[in-house]
Amino acid sequence: MLLSDRGPVQFVDQAGKLVPAPRPSSVTALLDGVAKARPGRTTWVAPTVAELDARALRSGLFGRLTASLGYEYTPLPVGENEYRGYYDDVGVNILWSILHGIEDQIPVVYSRDDPSGSLAPYRAVNRALAESAVGTAAEAATVAIHDYQLMLAPALVRARRPDTRIIHFSHTPFPTPESLFALPPAIARALVGGMLGADLLGFQRSRWAQRFLDCCAKLGADVDHDRGLVRHRGRVTWVRRYPTPMDVPRLVSRSRSAGAERWALQLRGGDPRRIIARVDRLDPAKNAVRGFQAYGLLLDQDPALAATVRFVACFLPSRERIADYRRYAEQTWAIVDRVNTRHPGSISAHYGDDHERALGLLRTYDVLLVNPVADGLNAVALEGPVVNDRHGAVVLSGEAGSADVLTGAVPLAEPRDVEATADMLRAALGLTPDERLVRARAMTAAVTALRPVEWFEHQMSDVDAIAAGGAPCCPL
């Protein structure tokens, strides 16, 4: 059974008829591939605030999707105010900032005078999803719970269904004890205690797994750092690393669509300048402002580069209803304007849900800049080397989850350092064709070596081993 914040499909109105449409997300795409490939029955539950989904559920339309999806998907309708409280007030304004270390840009804000009370809508949605699992899961079933929006759910499922095997996988970074315990103690304890309801906790990087263990130790739990386990309230929770893969065949197929091909030709056609690219959501954690500042500094230091290099960006909308995100978008456009004023025509930035344009850009870049302050995986860093037609280089922040995998990337140790970012862009532009080829092949090989089904099956095998009284096979 799968529990996540977002499901694979939603219903839309087409000429008065309810029609299913995919929900774009790297996590849902990953879980969709996993659910399709698993033998036997898989049930996926996720919250939805959409009235059309509620109508489709009442009409039995989701049940009719099982054959085409290859698994059962049941959305859990949630009231709009409760969902906003769960996702925006807690998920973004509290958790996302702490997890990604961007409290300086998205300050932690509590929706109530009593900060601990701010968790109420988050707890309610977690409880509703847990209740769905409790009522649906077969005896001794495995419940796989995904991401930071559902940190409380493992303990809630455990309390009602101790027979289940519970996995929780974090697709985001995990904070240091200093960051986590900057939150009110009751919130920090609730989050860690909720996760400790799982038999197995998965993280993308060893450093994040170790941070979780450090936080448990600070709470007074019995922690074995070497073995990667926590003893808490008479139970044992194991902690492991599972680097997240890409569905490479599906990605390559999408990148060769007619729309992506058209954009690739248009982006290259008529302009001989090399392309520095970025493809991102407009999220402060992605660090676009410093990326453009670094490019502007590069041109200031070597104005002749403007005749041979240009910067093309594709931005996807992100949390536009949140004021701090709108302000960050304004800062991004302002720095683009300032650089273009100093160096006319040097930056071209596009905004909108145009995935084919983004794929066309990934096919055509000479240098891809991926410089998040912190990021769970950053799928773009993995997608770029696989679809790129030019053996393009990747400048990659060491704070992205993909940094452990992409050993062929040009490493950016400190993504907050604008001058260092400019230096790494210069280094990437200066690579010889042979160096680009070697690095591109290394990155592609690393990405294609990871397979979604194996990623999930490793977790399933490990939780089975735990249930049998053993230890997980995968390393910490």
Protein backbone atom coordinates (compact mmCIF):
# COMPACT_ATOMS: atom_id res chain seq x y z
CA MET A 1 0.00 0.00 0.00
CA LEU A 2 1.25 3.50 -0.88
CA LEU A 3 0.46 6.74 0.96
CA SER A 4 1.68 10.04 -0.47
CA ASP A 5 0.77 13.72 -0.60
CA ARG A 6 -0.09 13.62 -4.30
CA GLY A 7 -1.73 10.92 -6.38
CA PRO A 8 -1.01 9.95 -9.99
CA VAL A 9 -4.15 11.33 -11.65
CA GLN A 10 -6.81 13.96 -11.24
CA PHE A 11 -10.06 14.50 -13.07
CA VAL A 12 -10.60 17.53 -15.31
CA ASP A 13 -13.68 18.84 -17.06
CA GLN A 14 -13.57 18.47 -20.84
CA ALA A 15 -16.73 19.78 -22.50
CA GLY A 16 -18.80 18.77 -19.49
CA LYS A 17 -17.24 15.31 -19.17
CA LEU A 18 -14.94 14.21 -16.33
CA VAL A 19 -11.69 12.93 -17.84
CA PRO A 20 -8.58 11.66 -15.96
CA ALA A 21 -5.30 13.52 -16.44
CA PRO A 22 -1.84 12.78 -15.01
CA ARG A 23 -0.55 14.91 -12.14
CA PRO A 24 2.99 16.03 -12.96
CA SER A 25 5.49 15.37 -10.17
CA SER A 26 8.80 13.54 -10.03
CA VAL A 27 7.64 11.64 -6.92
CA THR A 28 4.31 10.57 -8.41
CA ALA A 29 6.01 9.52 -11.66
CA LEU A 30 8.43 7.39 -9.66
CA LEU A 31 5.70 5.78 -7.55
CA ASP A 32 3.49 5.22 -10.59
CA GLY A 33 6.22 3.19 -12.26
CA VAL A 34 6.83 1.22 -9.08
CA ALA A 35 3.12 0.51 -8.51
CA LYS A 36 2.66 -0.65 -12.11
CA ALA A 37 5.56 -3.09 -11.87
CA ARG A 38 4.63 -4.72 -8.54
CA PRO A 39 2.96 -8.13 -8.64
CA GLY A 40 -0.29 -8.58 -6.78
CA ARG A 41 -2.56 -5.88 -5.47
CA THR A 42 -1.27 -2.39 -4.79
CA THR A 43 -3.48 0.36 -3.38
CA TRP A 44 -2.44 4.01 -3.45
CA VAL A 45 -4.13 6.68 -1.35
CA ALA A 46 -3.44 10.44 -1.47
CA PRO A 47 -5.39 13.53 -0.38
CA THR A 48 -7.18 15.73 -2.87
CA VAL A 49 -8.85 19.08 -2.47
CA ALA A 50 -10.34 19.08 -5.98
CA GLU A 51 -14.13 19.05 -6.18
CA LEU A 52 -13.92 17.28 -9.55
CA ASP A 53 -12.01 14.42 -7.91
CA ALA A 54 -14.68 14.17 -5.22
CA ARG A 55 -17.37 14.02 -7.91
CA ALA A 56 -15.44 11.39 -9.83
CA LEU A 57 -15.00 9.35 -6.65
CA ARG A 58 -18.74 9.48 -5.90
CA SER A 59 -19.44 8.38 -9.47
CA GLY A 60 -17.09 5.42 -9.25
CA LEU A 61 -14.77 6.77 -11.95
CA PHE A 62 -11.58 6.12 -10.00
CA GLY A 63 -12.49 2.46 -9.65
CA ARG A 64 -12.68 2.20 -13.43
CA LEU A 65 -9.06 3.37 -13.76
CA THR A 66 -7.59 0.29 -12.07
CA ALA A 67 -7.10 -1.67 -15.30
CA SER A 68 -5.36 1.19 -17.12
CA LEU A 69 -3.27 2.25 -14.13
CA GLY A 70 -2.26 -1.27 -13.15
CA TYR A 71 -3.13 -0.65 -9.47
CA GLU A 72 -5.91 0.81 -7.34
CA TYR A 73 -5.88 4.54 -6.68
CA THR A 74 -8.31 6.09 -4.23
CA PRO A 75 -8.14 9.83 -3.51
CA LEU A 76 -9.05 11.05 -0.04
CA PRO A 77 -11.15 14.24 -0.27
CA VAL A 78 -10.00 16.95 2.14
CA GLY A 79 -11.64 20.33 2.78
CA GLU A 80 -9.86 23.26 1.19
CA ASN A 81 -9.16 25.10 4.46
CA GLU A 82 -7.84 21.97 6.12
CA TYR A 83 -5.65 21.15 3.10
CA ARG A 84 -4.22 24.67 3.00
CA GLY A 85 -3.43 24.42 6.70
CA TYR A 86 -1.78 21.01 6.21
CA TYR A 87 0.14 21.85 3.03
CA ASP A 88 0.80 25.60 3.18
CA ASP A 89 0.78 26.57 6.86
CA VAL A 90 2.67 23.51 8.06
CA GLY A 91 4.19 21.85 5.00
CA VAL A 92 5.66 25.03 3.49
CA ASN A 93 5.76 27.68 6.20
CA ILE A 94 7.23 25.38 8.84
CA LEU A 95 8.62 22.13 7.43
CA TRP A 96 9.93 23.08 3.98
CA SER A 97 11.90 26.02 5.35
CA ILE A 98 13.51 23.94 8.10
CA LEU A 99 14.22 20.94 5.89
CA HIS A 100 15.92 23.06 3.23
CA GLY A 101 17.64 25.61 5.43
CA ILE A 102 15.90 28.60 3.85
CA GLU A 103 14.46 30.18 7.00
CA ASP A 104 16.21 33.40 5.94
CA GLN A 105 14.00 33.57 2.83
CA ILE A 106 10.85 31.74 3.95
CA PRO A 107 10.68 32.51 7.68
CA VAL A 108 8.99 29.91 9.85
CA VAL A 109 5.49 31.17 10.57
CA TYR A 110 3.02 29.61 12.98
CA SER A 111 -0.66 29.90 12.16
CA ARG A 112 -1.72 30.00 15.81
CA ASP A 113 -0.60 31.77 18.98
CA ASP A 114 0.30 28.36 20.38
CA PRO A 115 2.94 27.12 17.87
CA SER A 116 2.27 23.46 18.67
CA GLY A 117 -1.37 24.02 17.83
CA SER A 118 -0.29 24.97 14.30
CA LEU A 119 0.20 21.25 13.63
CA ALA A 120 -3.55 20.58 13.96
CA PRO A 121 -4.45 20.50 10.22
CA TYR A 122 -1.26 18.59 9.40
CA ARG A 123 -2.10 16.05 12.09
CA ALA A 124 -5.68 15.78 10.81
CA VAL A 125 -4.67 14.94 7.22
CA ASN A 126 -2.00 12.51 8.41
CA ARG A 127 -4.61 10.85 10.63
CA ALA A 128 -7.13 10.61 7.79
CA LEU A 129 -4.60 8.91 5.51
CA ALA A 130 -3.52 6.61 8.33
CA GLU A 131 -7.16 5.65 8.96
CA SER A 132 -7.50 4.81 5.28
CA ALA A 133 -4.48 2.53 5.53
CA VAL A 134 -5.76 0.96 8.73
CA GLY A 135 -9.07 0.10 7.10
CA THR A 136 -7.68 -1.08 3.76
CA ALA A 137 -4.37 -2.87 4.36
CA ALA A 138 -4.43 -6.66 4.44
CA GLU A 139 -3.02 -8.56 7.40
CA ALA A 140 0.77 -8.10 7.68
CA ALA A 141 0.71 -5.83 4.62
CA THR A 142 3.47 -3.34 3.91
CA VAL A 143 2.47 0.33 4.05
CA ALA A 144 4.97 2.57 2.21
CA ILE A 145 4.56 6.21 3.26
CA HIS A 146 6.23 8.99 1.30
CA ASP A 147 7.73 12.33 2.10
CA TYR A 148 7.73 15.15 4.60
CA GLN A 149 4.00 15.84 4.36
CA LEU A 150 3.33 12.53 6.12
CA MET A 151 5.90 12.42 8.93
CA LEU A 152 3.24 11.68 11.55
CA ALA A 153 1.52 8.88 9.64
CA PRO A 154 3.85 5.95 10.54
CA ALA A 155 3.11 6.19 14.27
CA LEU A 156 -0.61 6.67 13.59
CA VAL A 157 -0.75 3.51 11.48
CA ARG A 158 1.38 1.61 14.01
CA ALA A 159 -0.96 2.48 16.88
CA ARG A 160 -3.94 0.88 15.14
CA ARG A 161 -2.29 -1.82 13.04
CA PRO A 162 0.82 -3.20 14.75
CA ASP A 163 0.73 -6.16 12.35
CA THR A 164 1.69 -4.00 9.35
CA ARG A 165 5.21 -3.43 8.07
CA ILE A 166 5.77 0.29 7.71
CA ILE A 167 8.28 2.12 5.52
CA HIS A 168 8.68 5.89 5.45
CA PHE A 169 10.82 7.41 2.70
CA SER A 170 11.93 11.06 2.80
CA HIS A 171 12.36 12.68 -0.62
CA THR A 172 13.68 15.87 1.00
CA PRO A 173 16.81 16.59 3.03
CA PHE A 174 16.63 16.06 6.78
CA PRO A 175 17.79 18.97 8.95
CA THR A 176 20.58 19.09 11.49
CA PRO A 177 19.56 18.90 15.17
CA GLU A 178 20.29 22.64 15.44
CA SER A 179 17.74 23.41 12.70
CA LEU A 180 15.11 20.89 13.80
CA PHE A 181 15.23 21.95 17.44
CA ALA A 182 14.88 25.58 16.50
CA LEU A 183 11.24 24.51 16.24
CA PRO A 184 9.22 24.32 19.45
CA PRO A 185 10.23 21.10 21.27
CA ALA A 186 6.70 19.69 21.06
CA ILE A 187 6.72 19.96 17.25
CA ALA A 188 10.21 18.46 16.90
CA ARG A 189 9.26 15.55 19.19
CA ALA A 190 6.01 14.94 17.32
CA LEU A 191 7.74 14.79 13.92
CA VAL A 192 10.56 12.49 14.99
CA GLY A 193 8.20 10.36 17.08
CA GLY A 194 5.84 10.03 14.13
CA MET A 195 8.63 8.77 11.88
CA LEU A 196 9.79 6.31 14.54
CA GLY A 197 6.50 4.47 14.13
CA ALA A 198 8.04 2.96 10.97
CA ASP A 199 10.04 -0.25 10.83
CA LEU A 200 12.29 1.24 8.16
CA LEU A 201 13.16 4.84 7.33
CA GLY A 202 14.67 5.60 3.94
CA PHE A 203 16.74 8.66 2.99
CA GLN A 204 18.46 9.60 -0.25
CA ARG A 205 21.81 10.42 1.35
CA SER A 206 23.83 8.97 4.20
CA ARG A 207 24.34 12.44 5.68
CA TRP A 208 20.58 12.91 6.01
CA ALA A 209 20.16 9.50 7.61
CA GLN A 210 22.89 10.38 10.11
CA ARG A 211 21.22 13.70 10.86
CA PHE A 212 18.01 11.85 11.71
CA LEU A 213 19.94 9.57 14.06
CA ASP A 214 21.56 12.62 15.66
CA CYS A 215 18.12 14.17 16.23
CA CYS A 216 16.87 10.94 17.83
CA ALA A 217 19.89 10.91 20.15
CA LYS A 218 19.17 14.48 21.18
CA LEU A 219 15.64 13.40 22.10
CA GLY A 220 17.08 10.76 24.40
CA ALA A 221 16.38 7.68 22.24
CA ASP A 222 18.81 4.75 22.25
CA VAL A 223 20.69 5.22 18.96
CA ASP A 224 23.20 2.85 17.36
CA HIS A 225 24.90 5.05 14.77
CA ASP A 226 27.08 2.27 13.40
CA ARG A 227 24.22 -0.14 12.73
CA GLY A 228 21.75 2.58 11.83
CA LEU A 229 18.95 1.82 14.25
CA VAL A 230 16.91 3.55 16.96
CA ARG A 231 15.33 1.86 19.98
CA HIS A 232 12.33 3.85 21.11
CA ARG A 233 9.35 2.90 23.29
CA GLY A 234 10.08 -0.80 23.07
CA ARG A 235 10.49 -0.84 19.30
CA VAL A 236 13.35 -0.74 16.80
CA THR A 237 13.41 1.48 13.74
CA TRP A 238 16.11 0.92 11.13
CA VAL A 239 17.52 3.79 9.04
CA ARG A 240 18.93 3.27 5.56
CA ARG A 241 20.00 5.07 2.36
CA TYR A 242 18.26 4.41 -0.96
CA PRO A 243 19.38 6.77 -3.77
CA THR A 244 16.31 7.69 -5.81
CA PRO A 245 16.38 6.63 -9.49
CA MET A 246 14.82 7.96 -12.68
CA ASP A 247 12.56 6.06 -15.08
CA VAL A 248 15.07 6.49 -17.90
CA PRO A 249 13.13 4.86 -20.78
CA ARG A 250 10.05 6.95 -19.99
CA LEU A 251 12.15 10.11 -19.74
CA VAL A 252 13.95 9.49 -23.04
CA SER A 253 10.62 8.80 -24.76
CA ARG A 254 9.18 12.10 -23.50
CA SER A 255 12.30 14.00 -24.55
CA ARG A 256 11.91 12.70 -28.14
CA SER A 257 8.33 13.88 -28.51
CA ALA A 258 7.48 16.18 -31.39
CA GLY A 259 7.04 19.13 -29.02
CA ALA A 260 10.40 18.64 -27.32
CA GLU A 261 12.07 18.19 -30.70
CA ARG A 262 10.53 21.42 -31.96
CA TRP A 263 11.76 23.35 -28.92
CA ALA A 264 15.23 21.84 -29.17
CA LEU A 265 15.53 22.99 -32.78
CA GLN A 266 14.13 26.43 -31.98
CA LEU A 267 16.46 26.99 -29.03
CA ARG A 268 19.55 26.17 -31.08
CA GLY A 269 18.45 27.61 -34.42
CA GLY A 270 19.93 30.91 -35.56
CA ASP A 271 22.00 31.63 -32.46
CA PRO A 272 25.54 30.18 -32.35
CA ARG A 273 26.15 31.08 -28.69
CA ARG A 274 26.61 28.27 -26.20
CA ILE A 275 23.76 27.78 -23.75
CA ILE A 276 23.95 27.82 -19.97
CA ALA A 277 20.60 26.44 -18.83
CA ARG A 278 18.50 25.97 -15.76
CA VAL A 279 15.15 24.18 -15.41
CA ASP A 280 13.52 24.71 -12.03
CA ARG A 281 10.45 25.46 -10.03
CA LEU A 282 10.51 29.05 -8.81
CA ASP A 283 11.31 28.03 -5.25
CA PRO A 284 13.78 29.82 -2.95
CA ALA A 285 15.48 26.49 -2.20
CA LYS A 286 16.42 26.21 -5.90
CA ASN A 287 18.56 29.37 -5.57
CA ALA A 288 17.86 30.94 -8.96
CA VAL A 289 18.71 34.49 -7.84
CA ARG A 290 22.30 33.58 -6.91
CA GLY A 291 22.63 31.61 -10.13
CA PHE A 292 21.79 34.67 -12.23
CA GLN A 293 23.99 36.85 -10.04
CA ALA A 294 26.88 34.47 -10.70
CA TYR A 295 26.26 34.59 -14.45
CA GLY A 296 26.14 38.39 -14.32
CA LEU A 297 29.43 38.42 -12.40
CA LEU A 298 30.96 36.10 -15.00
CA LEU A 299 30.04 38.53 -17.78
CA ASP A 300 31.21 41.53 -15.73
CA GLN A 301 34.60 39.87 -15.34
CA ASP A 302 34.81 38.86 -19.01
CA PRO A 303 32.43 40.98 -21.13
CA ALA A 304 33.55 39.23 -24.33
CA LEU A 305 31.77 36.09 -23.12
CA ALA A 306 28.42 37.75 -23.86
CA ALA A 307 29.13 37.26 -27.56
CA THR A 308 29.63 33.52 -27.16
CA VAL A 309 27.41 32.45 -24.24
CA ARG A 310 23.77 32.98 -23.28
CA PHE A 311 21.64 31.86 -20.35
CA VAL A 312 18.26 30.22 -21.01
CA ALA A 313 15.95 29.33 -18.12
CA CYS A 314 12.64 27.47 -17.92
CA PHE A 315 10.75 28.10 -14.70
CA LEU A 316 7.78 26.04 -13.59
CA PRO A 317 5.19 27.70 -11.32
CA SER A 318 5.54 26.88 -7.63
CA ARG A 319 3.22 27.72 -4.73
CA GLU A 320 2.12 31.02 -6.24
CA ARG A 321 -0.56 31.47 -3.57
CA ILE A 322 2.15 31.89 -0.90
CA ALA A 323 3.33 35.49 -0.52
CA ASP A 324 7.00 34.64 0.15
CA TYR A 325 7.15 32.62 -3.05
CA ARG A 326 5.66 35.50 -5.04
CA ARG A 327 8.27 37.81 -3.55
CA TYR A 328 11.05 35.43 -4.48
CA ALA A 329 9.72 35.27 -8.04
CA GLU A 330 9.82 39.09 -8.17
CA GLN A 331 13.44 39.05 -6.96
CA THR A 332 14.29 36.53 -9.69
CA TRP A 333 12.81 38.63 -12.48
CA ALA A 334 14.50 41.72 -11.06
CA ILE A 335 17.98 40.15 -11.21
CA VAL A 336 17.28 38.91 -14.76
CA ASP A 337 16.43 42.49 -15.75
CA ARG A 338 19.56 43.88 -14.08
CA VAL A 339 21.87 41.44 -15.84
CA ASN A 340 20.16 42.06 -19.17
CA THR A 341 20.53 45.80 -18.65
CA ARG A 342 24.29 45.42 -18.21
CA HIS A 343 24.60 42.75 -20.91
CA PRO A 344 21.64 43.05 -23.32
CA GLY A 345 20.14 39.79 -24.53
CA SER A 346 22.26 37.63 -22.27
CA ILE A 347 19.37 35.95 -20.39
CA SER A 348 16.15 34.50 -21.76
CA ALA A 349 13.75 33.24 -19.07
CA HIS A 350 10.44 31.48 -19.64
CA TYR A 351 7.70 30.81 -17.10
CA GLY A 352 4.87 28.30 -17.22
CA ASP A 353 3.89 24.62 -17.17
CA ASP A 354 5.61 23.89 -20.48
CA HIS A 355 7.38 20.59 -19.92
CA GLU A 356 8.14 20.07 -23.60
CA ARG A 357 10.02 23.37 -23.74
CA ALA A 358 11.95 22.32 -20.62
CA LEU A 359 12.86 18.98 -22.18
CA GLY A 360 13.93 20.75 -25.37
CA LEU A 361 16.24 22.94 -23.30
CA LEU A 362 17.69 19.94 -21.49
CA ARG A 363 18.51 18.43 -24.86
CA THR A 364 20.39 21.51 -26.04
CA TYR A 365 22.40 22.93 -23.14
CA ASP A 366 26.18 23.18 -23.08
CA VAL A 367 26.22 23.78 -19.32
CA LEU A 368 23.36 22.97 -16.93
CA LEU A 369 23.38 24.94 -13.67
CA VAL A 370 21.81 23.11 -10.70
CA ASN A 371 22.69 25.15 -7.61
CA PRO A 372 20.05 24.58 -4.90
CA VAL A 373 20.71 25.73 -1.36
CA ALA A 374 19.43 22.27 -0.45
CA ASP A 375 17.37 19.76 -2.40
CA GLY A 376 16.09 16.25 -1.97
CA LEU A 377 17.02 14.74 -5.31
CA ASN A 378 16.75 17.45 -7.94
CA ALA A 379 15.53 15.28 -10.78
CA VAL A 380 16.67 17.82 -13.37
CA ALA A 381 20.31 17.06 -12.54
CA LEU A 382 19.68 13.40 -13.44
CA GLU A 383 17.45 14.12 -16.43
CA GLY A 384 19.87 16.49 -18.14
CA PRO A 385 22.77 14.09 -18.80
CA VAL A 386 20.40 11.37 -20.03
CA VAL A 387 18.59 13.45 -22.67
CA ASN A 388 21.28 16.00 -23.63
CA ASP A 389 22.52 15.82 -27.23
CA ARG A 390 25.74 17.82 -26.76
CA HIS A 391 27.66 16.07 -23.95
CA GLY A 392 26.79 19.06 -21.83
CA ALA A 393 28.46 19.73 -18.49
CA VAL A 394 26.53 19.97 -15.22
CA VAL A 395 27.48 22.39 -12.45
CA LEU A 396 25.93 20.73 -9.41
CA SER A 397 25.47 21.91 -5.83
CA GLY A 398 26.88 19.58 -3.22
CA GLU A 399 23.64 20.15 -1.29
CA ALA A 400 21.50 18.35 -3.91
CA GLY A 401 20.65 14.72 -3.28
CA SER A 402 21.90 13.79 -6.75
CA ALA A 403 25.43 15.02 -5.89
CA ASP A 404 26.30 11.58 -4.47
CA VAL A 405 25.37 9.95 -7.78
CA LEU A 406 26.65 12.39 -10.43
CA THR A 407 30.39 12.05 -9.90
CA GLY A 408 30.97 13.43 -13.40
CA ALA A 409 29.44 16.80 -12.55
CA VAL A 410 31.44 19.98 -11.90
CA PRO A 411 31.02 20.27 -8.11
CA LEU A 412 29.79 23.45 -6.46
CA ALA A 413 30.67 23.13 -2.78
CA GLU A 414 28.89 26.24 -1.49
CA PRO A 415 25.80 27.23 -3.50
CA ARG A 416 25.32 30.43 -1.48
CA ASP A 417 28.69 31.72 -2.71
CA VAL A 418 28.03 33.75 -5.88
CA GLU A 419 31.71 34.12 -6.76
CA ALA A 420 32.32 30.38 -6.37
CA THR A 421 29.31 29.69 -8.61
CA ALA A 422 30.73 32.02 -11.27
CA ASP A 423 34.07 30.19 -11.01
CA MET A 424 32.39 26.81 -11.56
CA LEU A 425 30.45 28.13 -14.55
CA ARG A 426 33.75 29.33 -16.01
CA ALA A 427 35.33 25.95 -15.34
CA ALA A 428 32.44 24.12 -17.03
CA LEU A 429 32.63 26.39 -20.08
CA GLY A 430 36.38 25.73 -20.25
CA LEU A 431 36.13 21.93 -20.44
CA THR A 432 37.58 20.42 -23.61
CA PRO A 433 35.33 18.28 -25.84
CA ASP A 434 37.08 15.14 -24.59
CA GLU A 435 36.57 16.16 -20.96
CA ARG A 436 32.89 16.88 -21.62
CA LEU A 437 32.46 13.49 -23.27
CA VAL A 438 34.08 11.58 -20.39
CA ARG A 439 32.02 13.43 -17.78
CA ALA A 440 28.77 13.07 -19.74
CA ARG A 441 29.26 9.33 -20.16
CA ALA A 442 30.03 8.92 -16.45
CA MET A 443 26.87 10.80 -15.47
CA THR A 444 24.66 8.90 -17.91
CA ALA A 445 26.04 5.56 -16.71
CA ALA A 446 25.40 6.53 -13.08
CA VAL A 447 21.79 7.54 -13.78
CA THR A 448 20.92 4.50 -15.89
CA ALA A 449 22.41 2.15 -13.26
CA LEU A 450 19.61 3.11 -10.84
CA ARG A 451 16.22 1.53 -11.57
CA PRO A 452 12.90 2.49 -9.91
CA VAL A 453 11.67 -1.05 -9.37
CA GLU A 454 14.95 -2.12 -7.77
CA TRP A 455 14.92 1.00 -5.56
CA PHE A 456 11.54 0.00 -4.16
CA GLU A 457 12.24 -3.73 -4.02
CA HIS A 458 15.35 -3.08 -1.92
CA GLN A 459 13.14 -1.35 0.63
CA MET A 460 10.59 -4.16 0.52
CA SER A 461 13.29 -6.82 0.98
CA ASP A 462 14.76 -4.89 3.89
CA VAL A 463 11.44 -4.51 5.68
CA ASP A 464 10.79 -8.23 5.17
CA ALA A 465 14.16 -8.99 6.74
CA ILE A 466 13.30 -6.77 9.70
CA ALA A 467 9.95 -8.51 10.14
CA ALA A 468 11.79 -11.84 10.21
CA GLY A 469 13.97 -10.59 13.07
CA GLY A 470 17.01 -9.74 10.96
CA ALA A 471 18.72 -6.60 9.74
CA PRO A 472 18.35 -4.75 6.42
CA CYS A 473 20.76 -5.74 3.66
CA CYS A 474 21.19 -2.25 2.21
CA PRO A 475 23.90 -0.08 3.80
CA LEU A 476 23.47 3.03 5.89
